Protein backbone atom coordinates (compact mmCIF):
# COMPACT_ATOMS: atom_id res chain seq x y z
CA MET A 1 -4.13 20.49 -16.41
CA VAL A 2 -0.63 22.04 -16.27
CA ALA A 3 -1.10 22.46 -12.54
CA LEU A 4 -2.26 18.78 -12.09
CA LEU A 5 0.59 17.82 -13.68
CA LEU A 6 2.95 20.04 -12.00
CA ALA A 7 1.44 18.77 -8.35
CA ILE A 8 2.08 15.29 -9.51
CA THR A 9 5.51 16.01 -10.46
CA ALA A 10 6.04 17.78 -7.09
CA LEU A 11 4.54 14.74 -5.58
CA LEU A 12 7.01 12.31 -7.32
CA TRP A 13 10.29 14.59 -6.72
CA GLY A 14 9.52 15.38 -3.15
CA ALA A 15 8.99 11.58 -2.10
CA THR A 16 11.85 10.21 -4.25
CA PRO A 17 14.66 11.65 -1.65
CA ILE A 18 13.11 9.67 0.53
CA LEU A 19 13.36 6.22 -1.19
CA GLU A 20 16.92 7.17 -2.22
CA LYS A 21 18.19 7.84 1.27
CA MET A 22 16.67 4.55 2.31
CA GLY A 23 18.17 2.52 -0.63
CA LEU A 24 21.63 4.28 0.21
CA ALA A 25 21.88 3.12 3.43
CA LYS A 26 23.61 -0.43 2.64
CA VAL A 27 24.60 0.65 -1.31
CA ASP A 28 27.57 2.63 -2.49
CA PRO A 29 26.42 5.79 -4.13
CA LEU A 30 27.59 4.83 -7.78
CA ILE A 31 25.72 1.61 -7.51
CA GLY A 32 22.77 3.33 -6.38
CA VAL A 33 22.85 5.68 -9.60
CA THR A 34 23.65 2.58 -11.76
CA VAL A 35 20.60 0.93 -10.54
CA ARG A 36 18.32 3.88 -10.82
CA SER A 37 19.58 4.67 -14.41
CA ALA A 38 19.33 1.12 -15.85
CA ILE A 39 15.81 0.88 -14.60
CA VAL A 40 14.81 4.42 -15.77
CA THR A 41 16.58 3.38 -19.24
CA ALA A 42 14.74 0.25 -19.33
CA GLY A 43 11.61 2.42 -18.84
CA LEU A 44 12.35 4.98 -21.23
CA PHE A 45 12.58 2.49 -24.11
CA LEU A 46 9.42 0.73 -22.96
CA LEU A 47 7.42 3.75 -23.06
CA THR A 48 9.07 5.07 -26.10
CA VAL A 49 7.76 1.89 -27.90
CA ILE A 50 4.45 1.76 -26.24
CA LEU A 51 3.60 5.49 -27.36
CA GLY A 52 4.81 4.55 -31.06
CA LYS A 53 8.11 7.27 -30.76
CA GLY A 54 10.69 4.77 -31.86
CA ARG A 55 11.01 6.32 -35.37
CA ASP A 56 11.47 9.95 -33.84
CA LEU A 57 14.43 8.38 -31.35
CA VAL A 58 16.22 6.81 -34.41
CA SER A 59 15.86 10.15 -36.80
CA LEU A 60 17.62 12.01 -34.30
CA ASP A 61 20.31 14.53 -35.92
CA GLY A 62 24.15 14.29 -34.43
CA LYS A 63 23.65 18.00 -32.49
CA SER A 64 20.48 16.69 -30.49
CA ILE A 65 22.30 13.52 -29.72
CA LEU A 66 25.45 15.21 -28.33
CA LEU A 67 23.30 18.07 -26.54
CA PHE A 68 21.10 15.27 -24.73
CA GLY A 69 24.37 13.27 -24.20
CA ALA A 70 26.21 16.07 -22.43
CA SER A 71 23.16 16.72 -20.33
CA GLY A 72 22.53 13.02 -19.30
CA MET A 73 25.95 12.88 -18.33
CA MET A 74 26.42 16.04 -16.78
CA ALA A 75 22.91 15.59 -14.86
CA GLY A 76 22.01 11.80 -15.13
CA LEU A 77 25.43 10.65 -14.12
CA LEU A 78 27.65 13.07 -12.24
CA GLY A 79 25.17 14.94 -10.60
CA MET A 80 23.08 11.94 -9.60
CA TRP A 81 26.73 10.77 -8.38
CA THR A 82 27.80 13.33 -6.16
CA TYR A 83 23.82 14.32 -5.02
CA TYR A 84 23.88 10.31 -3.92
CA MET A 85 27.14 10.58 -2.01
CA ALA A 86 25.84 13.83 -0.07
CA LEU A 87 22.60 11.97 0.69
CA LYS A 88 24.36 9.34 1.95
CA MET A 89 26.61 11.49 4.19
CA GLU A 90 23.74 14.18 5.43
CA ALA A 91 20.44 14.82 6.63
CA THR A 92 17.83 14.34 3.38
CA SER A 93 16.33 17.53 4.95
CA LYS A 94 19.39 19.36 4.57
CA ILE A 95 20.92 17.91 1.30
CA VAL A 96 17.84 18.26 -1.04
CA PRO A 97 17.22 21.66 -0.41
CA ILE A 98 20.89 22.95 -1.19
CA ALA A 99 20.88 20.45 -4.55
CA ALA A 100 17.63 21.83 -5.36
CA CYS A 101 19.23 25.50 -6.16
CA TYR A 102 20.20 24.28 -9.46
CA PRO A 103 17.70 26.76 -10.86
CA LEU A 104 19.85 29.78 -9.68
CA ILE A 105 22.51 28.10 -11.85
CA THR A 106 20.28 27.82 -14.82
CA ALA A 107 19.27 31.47 -14.40
CA LEU A 108 22.69 32.66 -14.50
CA LEU A 109 23.79 30.56 -17.31
CA SER A 110 20.47 31.46 -19.30
CA VAL A 111 21.62 35.12 -18.94
CA LEU A 112 25.38 34.47 -19.87
CA ILE A 113 25.00 31.81 -22.47
CA LEU A 114 21.60 32.08 -23.79
CA ASN A 115 21.28 35.97 -23.83
CA GLU A 116 18.13 35.60 -21.43
CA GLY A 117 16.84 38.67 -20.50
CA LEU A 118 17.39 39.71 -16.51
CA SER A 119 14.34 41.40 -14.75
CA LEU A 120 13.63 42.55 -11.38
CA PRO A 121 11.58 39.40 -10.35
CA ARG A 122 14.02 37.12 -11.30
CA VAL A 123 16.84 39.15 -9.44
CA ILE A 124 14.46 39.03 -6.17
CA GLY A 125 13.83 35.28 -6.91
CA THR A 126 17.52 34.89 -6.80
CA VAL A 127 18.19 36.48 -3.70
CA LEU A 128 15.63 34.46 -2.15
CA ILE A 129 17.18 31.11 -3.39
CA VAL A 130 20.10 32.27 -1.82
CA SER A 131 18.52 33.21 1.12
CA GLY A 132 17.06 29.99 1.27
CA ILE A 133 20.21 27.80 0.81
CA TRP A 134 22.27 30.16 3.68
CA LEU A 135 19.22 29.10 6.10
CA VAL A 136 19.09 25.41 5.20
CA LYS A 137 23.21 25.32 5.78
């Protein structure tokens, strides 16, 4: 089941940059992020209600709200905006792989902030990510 979910995720995330690049042809990146976010927000509220998760939403503690809010501002607003600006300026096949190097940042911050361990496979994976970015640019 996890493999199927990941395959669907990969297909959806893989196709989305094509739609975004086409949408950005005549649209300012900030407007693109605004429209995307508004539609996603409406969909999320609808899904939350349909799945009966409304009580969970209103019972969130302040720390969780702050953390998810910061995450939304960083990734959902600023990250999407800078990504859309780059996507509007360059080839999708160049921008997407470079933007998708965020696991490299996550791995580094996980070690530094969350004190997660560092293993040889992770170091090798990190080297491969950096090598791939170098090849794409």
